[in-house]
Amino acid sequence: LLAYLRFVHNPDDDLSLARIINVPTRGIGRTTWDT
């Protein structure tokens, strides 16, 4: 939840985006993230 709030506040926060991009599960896996 805090990662979502931090990302909304700062879209350039890659660490928070990495945490939430597949939470809840969206089928966005490691390969997609690496690309």
PDB file of all heavy atoms in Angstrom:
ATOM      1  N   LEU A   1       0.822  -1.205   0.000  1.00  0.00           N
ATOM      2  CA  LEU A   1       0.000   0.000   0.000  1.00  0.00           C
ATOM      3  C   LEU A   1       0.860   1.262   0.000  1.00  0.00           C
ATOM      4  O   LEU A   1       0.614   2.213  -0.757  1.00  0.00           O
ATOM      5  CB  LEU A   1      -0.931  -0.010   1.215  1.00  0.00           C
ATOM      6  CG  LEU A   1      -1.827   1.228   1.396  1.00  0.00           C
ATOM      7  CD1 LEU A   1      -2.720   1.419   0.177  1.00  0.00           C
ATOM      8  CD2 LEU A   1      -2.675   1.067   2.662  1.00  0.00           C
ATOM      9  N   LEU A   2       1.890   1.266   0.828  1.00  0.00           N
ATOM     10  CA  LEU A   2       2.782   2.426   0.875  1.00  0.00           C
ATOM     11  C   LEU A   2       3.523   2.623  -0.449  1.00  0.00           C
ATOM     12  O   LEU A   2       3.777   3.754  -0.874  1.00  0.00           O
ATOM     13  CB  LEU A   2       3.786   2.270   2.022  1.00  0.00           C
ATOM     14  CG  LEU A   2       3.193   2.360   3.434  1.00  0.00           C
ATOM     15  CD1 LEU A   2       4.270   2.066   4.479  1.00  0.00           C
ATOM     16  CD2 LEU A   2       2.583   3.737   3.677  1.00  0.00           C
ATOM     17  N   ALA A   3       3.855   1.505  -1.115  1.00  0.00           N
ATOM     18  CA  ALA A   3       4.519   1.601  -2.416  1.00  0.00           C
ATOM     19  C   ALA A   3       3.601   2.254  -3.434  1.00  0.00           C
ATOM     20  O   ALA A   3       4.041   3.070  -4.258  1.00  0.00           O
ATOM     21  CB  ALA A   3       4.945   0.220  -2.888  1.00  0.00           C
ATOM     22  N   TYR A   4       2.309   1.911  -3.387  1.00  0.00           N
ATOM     23  CA  TYR A   4       1.344   2.559  -4.279  1.00  0.00           C
ATOM     24  C   TYR A   4       1.310   4.067  -4.023  1.00  0.00           C
ATOM     25  O   TYR A   4       1.321   4.885  -4.955  1.00  0.00           O
ATOM     26  CB  TYR A   4      -0.051   1.969  -4.071  1.00  0.00           C
ATOM     27  CG  TYR A   4      -0.399   0.847  -5.022  1.00  0.00           C
ATOM     28  CD1 TYR A   4      -0.386  -0.477  -4.593  1.00  0.00           C
ATOM     29  CD2 TYR A   4      -0.755   1.109  -6.343  1.00  0.00           C
ATOM     30  CE1 TYR A   4      -0.702  -1.520  -5.459  1.00  0.00           C
ATOM     31  CE2 TYR A   4      -1.078   0.075  -7.214  1.00  0.00           C
ATOM     32  CZ  TYR A   4      -1.048  -1.235  -6.770  1.00  0.00           C
ATOM     33  OH  TYR A   4      -1.360  -2.253  -7.637  1.00  0.00           O
ATOM     34  N   LEU A   5       1.242   4.437  -2.747  1.00  0.00           N
ATOM     35  CA  LEU A   5       1.167   5.855  -2.400  1.00  0.00           C
ATOM     36  C   LEU A   5       2.435   6.598  -2.820  1.00  0.00           C
ATOM     37  O   LEU A   5       2.372   7.723  -3.330  1.00  0.00           O
ATOM     38  CB  LEU A   5       0.932   6.004  -0.892  1.00  0.00           C
ATOM     39  CG  LEU A   5      -0.414   5.471  -0.372  1.00  0.00           C
ATOM     40  CD1 LEU A   5      -0.473   5.565   1.138  1.00  0.00           C
ATOM     41  CD2 LEU A   5      -1.573   6.249  -0.993  1.00  0.00           C
ATOM     42  N   ARG A   6       3.579   5.963  -2.605  1.00  0.00           N
ATOM     43  CA  ARG A   6       4.840   6.605  -3.010  1.00  0.00           C
ATOM     44  C   ARG A   6       4.917   6.756  -4.520  1.00  0.00           C
ATOM     45  O   ARG A   6       5.392   7.766  -5.036  1.00  0.00           O
ATOM     46  CB  ARG A   6       6.028   5.792  -2.498  1.00  0.00           C
ATOM     47  CG  ARG A   6       6.303   5.959  -1.018  1.00  0.00           C
ATOM     48  CD  ARG A   6       7.680   5.440  -0.640  1.00  0.00           C
ATOM     49  NE  ARG A   6       7.800   4.008  -0.904  1.00  0.00           N
ATOM     50  CZ  ARG A   6       7.555   3.061   0.005  1.00  0.00           C
ATOM     51  NH1 ARG A   6       7.183   3.416   1.234  1.00  0.00           N
ATOM     52  NH2 ARG A   6       7.670   1.784  -0.290  1.00  0.00           N
ATOM     53  N   PHE A   7       4.417   5.746  -5.244  1.00  0.00           N
ATOM     54  CA  PHE A   7       4.477   5.816  -6.707  1.00  0.00           C
ATOM     55  C   PHE A   7       3.544   6.897  -7.245  1.00  0.00           C
ATOM     56  O   PHE A   7       3.900   7.637  -8.168  1.00  0.00           O
ATOM     57  CB  PHE A   7       4.111   4.456  -7.311  1.00  0.00           C
ATOM     58  CG  PHE A   7       4.028   4.486  -8.800  1.00  0.00           C
ATOM     59  CD1 PHE A   7       5.175   4.599  -9.572  1.00  0.00           C
ATOM     60  CD2 PHE A   7       2.807   4.438  -9.460  1.00  0.00           C
ATOM     61  CE1 PHE A   7       5.113   4.652 -10.951  1.00  0.00           C
ATOM     62  CE2 PHE A   7       2.732   4.494 -10.839  1.00  0.00           C
ATOM     63  CZ  PHE A   7       3.893   4.595 -11.588  1.00  0.00           C
ATOM     64  N   VAL A   8       2.341   6.982  -6.653  1.00  0.00           N
ATOM     65  CA  VAL A   8       1.408   8.034  -7.077  1.00  0.00           C
ATOM     66  C   VAL A   8       2.023   9.408  -6.825  1.00  0.00           C
ATOM     67  O   VAL A   8       1.893  10.339  -7.626  1.00  0.00           O
ATOM     68  CB  VAL A   8       0.063   7.885  -6.341  1.00  0.00           C
ATOM     69  CG1 VAL A   8      -0.820   9.102  -6.581  1.00  0.00           C
ATOM     70  CG2 VAL A   8      -0.654   6.620  -6.796  1.00  0.00           C
ATOM     71  N   HIS A   9       2.710   9.519  -5.708  1.00  0.00           N
ATOM     72  CA  HIS A   9       3.372  10.782  -5.375  1.00  0.00           C
ATOM     73  C   HIS A   9       4.563  11.058  -6.288  1.00  0.00           C
ATOM     74  O   HIS A   9       4.823  12.207  -6.651  1.00  0.00           O
ATOM     75  CB  HIS A   9       3.830  10.751  -3.910  1.00  0.00           C
ATOM     76  CG  HIS A   9       4.559  11.983  -3.487  1.00  0.00           C
ATOM     77  ND1 HIS A   9       3.946  13.217  -3.342  1.00  0.00           N
ATOM     78  CD2 HIS A   9       5.884  12.192  -3.187  1.00  0.00           C
ATOM     79  CE1 HIS A   9       4.830  14.124  -2.957  1.00  0.00           C
ATOM     80  NE2 HIS A   9       6.010  13.522  -2.861  1.00  0.00           N
ATOM     81  N   ASN A  10       5.274  10.013  -6.652  1.00  0.00           N
ATOM     82  CA  ASN A  10       6.474  10.162  -7.480  1.00  0.00           C
ATOM     83  C   ASN A  10       6.556   9.022  -8.500  1.00  0.00           C
ATOM     84  O   ASN A  10       7.111   7.967  -8.206  1.00  0.00           O
ATOM     85  CB  ASN A  10       7.729  10.179  -6.608  1.00  0.00           C
ATOM     86  CG  ASN A  10       9.001  10.256  -7.438  1.00  0.00           C
ATOM     87  OD1 ASN A  10       8.978  10.684  -8.593  1.00  0.00           O
ATOM     88  ND2 ASN A  10      10.108   9.844  -6.853  1.00  0.00           N
ATOM     89  N   PRO A  11       6.010   9.221  -9.706  1.00  0.00           N
ATOM     90  CA  PRO A  11       6.017   8.172 -10.738  1.00  0.00           C
ATOM     91  C   PRO A  11       7.420   7.747 -11.164  1.00  0.00           C
ATOM     92  O   PRO A  11       7.558   6.706 -11.826  1.00  0.00           O
ATOM     93  CB  PRO A  11       5.266   8.826 -11.910  1.00  0.00           C
ATOM     94  CG  PRO A  11       4.424   9.883 -11.274  1.00  0.00           C
ATOM     95  CD  PRO A  11       5.253  10.412 -10.148  1.00  0.00           C
ATOM     96  N   ASP A  12       8.430   8.494 -10.805  1.00  0.00           N
ATOM     97  CA  ASP A  12       9.798   8.117 -11.166  1.00  0.00           C
ATOM     98  C   ASP A  12      10.437   7.173 -10.139  1.00  0.00           C
ATOM     99  O   ASP A  12      11.611   6.821 -10.273  1.00  0.00           O
ATOM    100  CB  ASP A  12      10.665   9.367 -11.308  1.00  0.00           C
ATOM    101  CG  ASP A  12      10.263  10.220 -12.500  1.00  0.00           C
ATOM    102  OD1 ASP A  12       9.749   9.648 -13.498  1.00  0.00           O
ATOM    103  OD2 ASP A  12      10.452  11.453 -12.455  1.00  0.00           O
ATOM    104  N   ASP A  13       9.662   6.809  -9.132  1.00  0.00           N
ATOM    105  CA  ASP A  13      10.165   5.899  -8.095  1.00  0.00           C
ATOM    106  C   ASP A  13      10.122   4.460  -8.631  1.00  0.00           C
ATOM    107  O   ASP A  13       9.128   3.751  -8.496  1.00  0.00           O
ATOM    108  CB  ASP A  13       9.316   6.036  -6.830  1.00  0.00           C
ATOM    109  CG  ASP A  13       9.841   5.209  -5.671  1.00  0.00           C
ATOM    110  OD1 ASP A  13      10.689   4.323  -5.889  1.00  0.00           O
ATOM    111  OD2 ASP A  13       9.393   5.430  -4.537  1.00  0.00           O
ATOM    112  N   ASP A  14      11.211   4.030  -9.276  1.00  0.00           N
ATOM    113  CA  ASP A  14      11.251   2.705  -9.886  1.00  0.00           C
ATOM    114  C   ASP A  14      11.131   1.575  -8.859  1.00  0.00           C
ATOM    115  O   ASP A  14      10.588   0.507  -9.159  1.00  0.00           O
ATOM    116  CB  ASP A  14      12.555   2.526 -10.671  1.00  0.00           C
ATOM    117  CG  ASP A  14      12.555   3.306 -11.976  1.00  0.00           C
ATOM    118  OD1 ASP A  14      11.480   3.810 -12.357  1.00  0.00           O
ATOM    119  OD2 ASP A  14      13.617   3.399 -12.609  1.00  0.00           O
ATOM    120  N   LEU A  15      11.648   1.772  -7.634  1.00  0.00           N
ATOM    121  CA  LEU A  15      11.574   0.727  -6.616  1.00  0.00           C
ATOM    122  C   LEU A  15      10.125   0.441  -6.226  1.00  0.00           C
ATOM    123  O   LEU A  15       9.715  -0.710  -6.096  1.00  0.00           O
ATOM    124  CB  LEU A  15      12.384   1.119  -5.384  1.00  0.00           C
ATOM    125  CG  LEU A  15      13.914   1.148  -5.562  1.00  0.00           C
ATOM    126  CD1 LEU A  15      14.578   1.648  -4.289  1.00  0.00           C
ATOM    127  CD2 LEU A  15      14.436  -0.240  -5.922  1.00  0.00           C
ATOM    128  N   SER A  16       9.350   1.510  -6.061  1.00  0.00           N
ATOM    129  CA  SER A  16       7.942   1.322  -5.710  1.00  0.00           C
ATOM    130  C   SER A  16       7.178   0.698  -6.868  1.00  0.00           C
ATOM    131  O   SER A  16       6.322  -0.178  -6.672  1.00  0.00           O
ATOM    132  CB  SER A  16       7.313   2.660  -5.318  1.00  0.00           C
ATOM    133  OG  SER A  16       7.863   3.141  -4.117  1.00  0.00           O
ATOM    134  N   LEU A  17       7.494   1.119  -8.098  1.00  0.00           N
ATOM    135  CA  LEU A  17       6.825   0.557  -9.261  1.00  0.00           C
ATOM    136  C   LEU A  17       7.130  -0.937  -9.394  1.00  0.00           C
ATOM    137  O   LEU A  17       6.250  -1.736  -9.720  1.00  0.00           O
ATOM    138  CB  LEU A  17       7.257   1.296 -10.533  1.00  0.00           C
ATOM    139  CG  LEU A  17       6.660   0.786 -11.848  1.00  0.00           C
ATOM    140  CD1 LEU A  17       5.131   0.822 -11.800  1.00  0.00           C
ATOM    141  CD2 LEU A  17       7.182   1.606 -13.027  1.00  0.00           C
ATOM    142  N   ALA A  18       8.378  -1.318  -9.126  1.00  0.00           N
ATOM    143  CA  ALA A  18       8.753  -2.731  -9.205  1.00  0.00           C
ATOM    144  C   ALA A  18       7.936  -3.566  -8.227  1.00  0.00           C
ATOM    145  O   ALA A  18       7.588  -4.713  -8.513  1.00  0.00           O
ATOM    146  CB  ALA A  18      10.236  -2.895  -8.923  1.00  0.00           C
ATOM    147  N   ARG A  19       7.595  -2.987  -7.087  1.00  0.00           N
ATOM    148  CA  ARG A  19       6.848  -3.721  -6.072  1.00  0.00           C
ATOM    149  C   ARG A  19       5.379  -3.891  -6.450  1.00  0.00           C
ATOM    150  O   ARG A  19       4.782  -4.937  -6.181  1.00  0.00           O
ATOM    151  CB  ARG A  19       6.963  -3.021  -4.721  1.00  0.00           C
ATOM    152  CG  ARG A  19       6.304  -3.795  -3.604  1.00  0.00           C
ATOM    153  CD  ARG A  19       6.523  -3.181  -2.244  1.00  0.00           C
ATOM    154  NE  ARG A  19       5.970  -4.056  -1.217  1.00  0.00           N
ATOM    155  CZ  ARG A  19       6.651  -4.988  -0.576  1.00  0.00           C
ATOM    156  NH1 ARG A  19       7.937  -5.167  -0.832  1.00  0.00           N
ATOM    157  NH2 ARG A  19       6.068  -5.764   0.325  1.00  0.00           N
ATOM    158  N   ILE A  20       4.797  -2.882  -7.083  1.00  0.00           N
ATOM    159  CA  ILE A  20       3.342  -2.896  -7.288  1.00  0.00           C
ATOM    160  C   ILE A  20       2.910  -3.331  -8.685  1.00  0.00           C
ATOM    161  O   ILE A  20       1.734  -3.610  -8.895  1.00  0.00           O
ATOM    162  CB  ILE A  20       2.743  -1.497  -7.026  1.00  0.00           C
ATOM    163  CG1 ILE A  20       3.209  -0.504  -8.090  1.00  0.00           C
ATOM    164  CG2 ILE A  20       3.088  -1.028  -5.628  1.00  0.00           C
ATOM    165  CD1 ILE A  20       2.500   0.828  -8.046  1.00  0.00           C
ATOM    166  N   ILE A  21       3.839  -3.419  -9.628  1.00  0.00           N
ATOM    167  CA  ILE A  21       3.431  -3.651 -11.013  1.00  0.00           C
ATOM    168  C   ILE A  21       2.694  -4.974 -11.199  1.00  0.00           C
ATOM    169  O   ILE A  21       1.864  -5.115 -12.100  1.00  0.00           O
ATOM    170  CB  ILE A  21       4.653  -3.580 -11.963  1.00  0.00           C
ATOM    171  CG1 ILE A  21       4.181  -3.413 -13.406  1.00  0.00           C
ATOM    172  CG2 ILE A  21       5.571  -4.785 -11.774  1.00  0.00           C
ATOM    173  CD1 ILE A  21       5.284  -3.041 -14.374  1.00  0.00           C
ATOM    174  N   ASN A  22       2.941  -5.924 -10.327  1.00  0.00           N
ATOM    175  CA  ASN A  22       2.230  -7.200 -10.425  1.00  0.00           C
ATOM    176  C   ASN A  22       1.501  -7.546  -9.132  1.00  0.00           C
ATOM    177  O   ASN A  22       1.296  -8.704  -8.791  1.00  0.00           O
ATOM    178  CB  ASN A  22       3.196  -8.323 -10.798  1.00  0.00           C
ATOM    179  CG  ASN A  22       2.482  -9.527 -11.376  1.00  0.00           C
ATOM    180  OD1 ASN A  22       1.547  -9.391 -12.157  1.00  0.00           O
ATOM    181  ND2 ASN A  22       2.904 -10.725 -10.990  1.00  0.00           N
ATOM    182  N   VAL A  23       1.092  -6.483  -8.397  1.00  0.00           N
ATOM    183  CA  VAL A  23       0.329  -6.656  -7.159  1.00  0.00           C
ATOM    184  C   VAL A  23      -0.924  -5.798  -7.231  1.00  0.00           C
ATOM    185  O   VAL A  23      -0.832  -4.570  -7.254  1.00  0.00           O
ATOM    186  CB  VAL A  23       1.157  -6.252  -5.918  1.00  0.00           C
ATOM    187  CG1 VAL A  23       0.317  -6.366  -4.654  1.00  0.00           C
ATOM    188  CG2 VAL A  23       2.401  -7.092  -5.806  1.00  0.00           C
ATOM    189  N   PRO A  24      -2.118  -6.377  -7.330  1.00  0.00           N
ATOM    190  CA  PRO A  24      -2.374  -7.814  -7.413  1.00  0.00           C
ATOM    191  C   PRO A  24      -1.853  -8.411  -8.719  1.00  0.00           C
ATOM    192  O   PRO A  24      -1.528  -7.676  -9.650  1.00  0.00           O
ATOM    193  CB  PRO A  24      -3.897  -7.897  -7.317  1.00  0.00           C
ATOM    194  CG  PRO A  24      -4.366  -6.590  -7.859  1.00  0.00           C
ATOM    195  CD  PRO A  24      -3.357  -5.576  -7.411  1.00  0.00           C
ATOM    196  N   THR A  25      -1.826  -9.725  -8.800  1.00  0.00           N
ATOM    197  CA  THR A  25      -1.234 -10.392  -9.952  1.00  0.00           C
ATOM    198  C   THR A  25      -1.911  -9.959 -11.245  1.00  0.00           C
ATOM    199  O   THR A  25      -3.141 -10.007 -11.368  1.00  0.00           O
ATOM    200  CB  THR A  25      -1.350 -11.920  -9.794  1.00  0.00           C
ATOM    201  OG1 THR A  25      -0.697 -12.303  -8.581  1.00  0.00           O
ATOM    202  CG2 THR A  25      -0.702 -12.633 -10.959  1.00  0.00           C
ATOM    203  N   ARG A  26      -1.087  -9.511 -12.210  1.00  0.00           N
ATOM    204  CA  ARG A  26      -1.598  -9.067 -13.506  1.00  0.00           C
ATOM    205  C   ARG A  26      -0.970  -9.836 -14.662  1.00  0.00           C
ATOM    206  O   ARG A  26      -1.205  -9.525 -15.819  1.00  0.00           O
ATOM    207  CB  ARG A  26      -1.296  -7.578 -13.701  1.00  0.00           C
ATOM    208  CG  ARG A  26      -1.887  -6.666 -12.629  1.00  0.00           C
ATOM    209  CD  ARG A  26      -1.576  -5.212 -12.932  1.00  0.00           C
ATOM    210  NE  ARG A  26      -2.193  -4.335 -11.963  1.00  0.00           N
ATOM    211  CZ  ARG A  26      -1.634  -3.985 -10.803  1.00  0.00           C
ATOM    212  NH1 ARG A  26      -0.429  -4.448 -10.496  1.00  0.00           N
ATOM    213  NH2 ARG A  26      -2.258  -3.186  -9.972  1.00  0.00           N
ATOM    214  N   GLY A  27      -0.112 -10.803 -14.329  1.00  0.00           N
ATOM    215  CA  GLY A  27       0.566 -11.533 -15.387  1.00  0.00           C
ATOM    216  C   GLY A  27       1.744 -10.779 -15.956  1.00  0.00           C
ATOM    217  O   GLY A  27       2.211 -11.070 -17.063  1.00  0.00           O
ATOM    218  N   ILE A  28       2.215  -9.782 -15.204  1.00  0.00           N
ATOM    219  CA  ILE A  28       3.405  -9.030 -15.623  1.00  0.00           C
ATOM    220  C   ILE A  28       4.590  -9.602 -14.861  1.00  0.00           C
ATOM    221  O   ILE A  28       4.805  -9.279 -13.689  1.00  0.00           O
ATOM    222  CB  ILE A  28       3.244  -7.519 -15.351  1.00  0.00           C
ATOM    223  CG1 ILE A  28       1.999  -6.980 -16.068  1.00  0.00           C
ATOM    224  CG2 ILE A  28       4.486  -6.756 -15.793  1.00  0.00           C
ATOM    225  CD1 ILE A  28       1.697  -5.528 -15.775  1.00  0.00           C
ATOM    226  N   GLY A  29       5.332 -10.463 -15.522  1.00  0.00           N
ATOM    227  CA  GLY A  29       6.389 -11.191 -14.839  1.00  0.00           C
ATOM    228  C   GLY A  29       7.761 -10.552 -14.941  1.00  0.00           C
ATOM    229  O   GLY A  29       7.924  -9.407 -15.394  1.00  0.00           O
ATOM    230  N   ARG A  30       8.765 -11.314 -14.530  1.00  0.00           N
ATOM    231  CA  ARG A  30      10.147 -10.836 -14.483  1.00  0.00           C
ATOM    232  C   ARG A  30      10.662 -10.446 -15.865  1.00  0.00           C
ATOM    233  O   ARG A  30      11.335  -9.432 -16.013  1.00  0.00           O
ATOM    234  CB  ARG A  30      11.029 -11.925 -13.868  1.00  0.00           C
ATOM    235  CG  ARG A  30      12.519 -11.663 -13.929  1.00  0.00           C
ATOM    236  CD  ARG A  30      12.932 -10.395 -13.205  1.00  0.00           C
ATOM    237  NE  ARG A  30      12.606 -10.453 -11.791  1.00  0.00           N
ATOM    238  CZ  ARG A  30      12.834  -9.453 -10.941  1.00  0.00           C
ATOM    239  NH1 ARG A  30      13.332  -8.303 -11.377  1.00  0.00           N
ATOM    240  NH2 ARG A  30      12.522  -9.584  -9.663  1.00  0.00           N
ATOM    241  N   THR A  31      10.336 -11.237 -16.881  1.00  0.00           N
ATOM    242  CA  THR A  31      10.831 -10.935 -18.234  1.00  0.00           C
ATOM    243  C   THR A  31      10.327  -9.581 -18.715  1.00  0.00           C
ATOM    244  O   THR A  31      11.089  -8.772 -19.267  1.00  0.00           O
ATOM    245  CB  THR A  31      10.391 -12.035 -19.216  1.00  0.00           C
ATOM    246  OG1 THR A  31      10.904 -13.298 -18.772  1.00  0.00           O
ATOM    247  CG2 THR A  31      10.908 -11.748 -20.619  1.00  0.00           C
ATOM    248  N   THR A  32       9.032  -9.316 -18.498  1.00  0.00           N
ATOM    249  CA  THR A  32       8.452  -8.025 -18.901  1.00  0.00           C
ATOM    250  C   THR A  32       9.110  -6.888 -18.140  1.00  0.00           C
ATOM    251  O   THR A  32       9.474  -5.850 -18.726  1.00  0.00           O
ATOM    252  CB  THR A  32       6.935  -8.022 -18.645  1.00  0.00           C
ATOM    253  OG1 THR A  32       6.328  -9.070 -19.399  1.00  0.00           O
ATOM    254  CG2 THR A  32       6.321  -6.686 -19.035  1.00  0.00           C
ATOM    255  N   TRP A  33       9.272  -7.075 -16.847  1.00  0.00           N
ATOM    256  CA  TRP A  33       9.895  -6.026 -16.039  1.00  0.00           C
ATOM    257  C   TRP A  33      11.323  -5.743 -16.498  1.00  0.00           C
ATOM    258  O   TRP A  33      11.737  -4.576 -16.592  1.00  0.00           O
ATOM    259  CB  TRP A  33       9.870  -6.393 -14.561  1.00  0.00           C
ATOM    260  CG  TRP A  33      10.628  -5.422 -13.711  1.00  0.00           C
ATOM    261  CD1 TRP A  33      11.853  -5.594 -13.157  1.00  0.00           C
ATOM    262  CD2 TRP A  33      10.227  -4.090 -13.373  1.00  0.00           C
ATOM    263  NE1 TRP A  33      12.252  -4.466 -12.480  1.00  0.00           N
ATOM    264  CE2 TRP A  33      11.267  -3.521 -12.592  1.00  0.00           C
ATOM    265  CE3 TRP A  33       9.095  -3.330 -13.649  1.00  0.00           C
ATOM    266  CZ2 TRP A  33      11.195  -2.223 -12.095  1.00  0.00           C
ATOM    267  CZ3 TRP A  33       9.019  -2.044 -13.143  1.00  0.00           C
ATOM    268  CH2 TRP A  33      10.066  -1.496 -12.383  1.00  0.00           C
ATOM    269  N   ASP A  34      12.072  -6.774 -16.787  1.00  0.00           N
ATOM    270  CA  ASP A  34      13.452  -6.583 -17.245  1.00  0.00           C
ATOM    271  C   ASP A  34      13.499  -5.805 -18.554  1.00  0.00           C
ATOM    272  O   ASP A  34      14.383  -4.955 -18.758  1.00  0.00           O
ATOM    273  CB  ASP A  34      14.146  -7.938 -17.422  1.00  0.00           C
ATOM    274  CG  ASP A  34      14.480  -8.590 -16.087  1.00  0.00           C
ATOM    275  OD1 ASP A  34      14.493  -7.887 -15.063  1.00  0.00           O
ATOM    276  OD2 ASP A  34      14.738  -9.807 -16.085  1.00  0.00           O
ATOM    277  N   THR A  35      12.541  -6.069 -19.461  1.00  0.00           N
ATOM    278  CA  THR A  35      12.489  -5.328 -20.732  1.00  0.00           C
ATOM    279  C   THR A  35      12.208  -3.857 -20.486  1.00  0.00           C
ATOM    280  O   THR A  35      12.853  -2.966 -21.072  1.00  0.00           O
ATOM    281  CB  THR A  35      11.398  -5.917 -21.647  1.00  0.00           C
ATOM    282  OG1 THR A  35      11.698  -7.295 -21.901  1.00  0.00           O
ATOM    283  CG2 THR A  35      11.330  -5.164 -22.973  1.00  0.00           C
TER     284      THR A  35
END
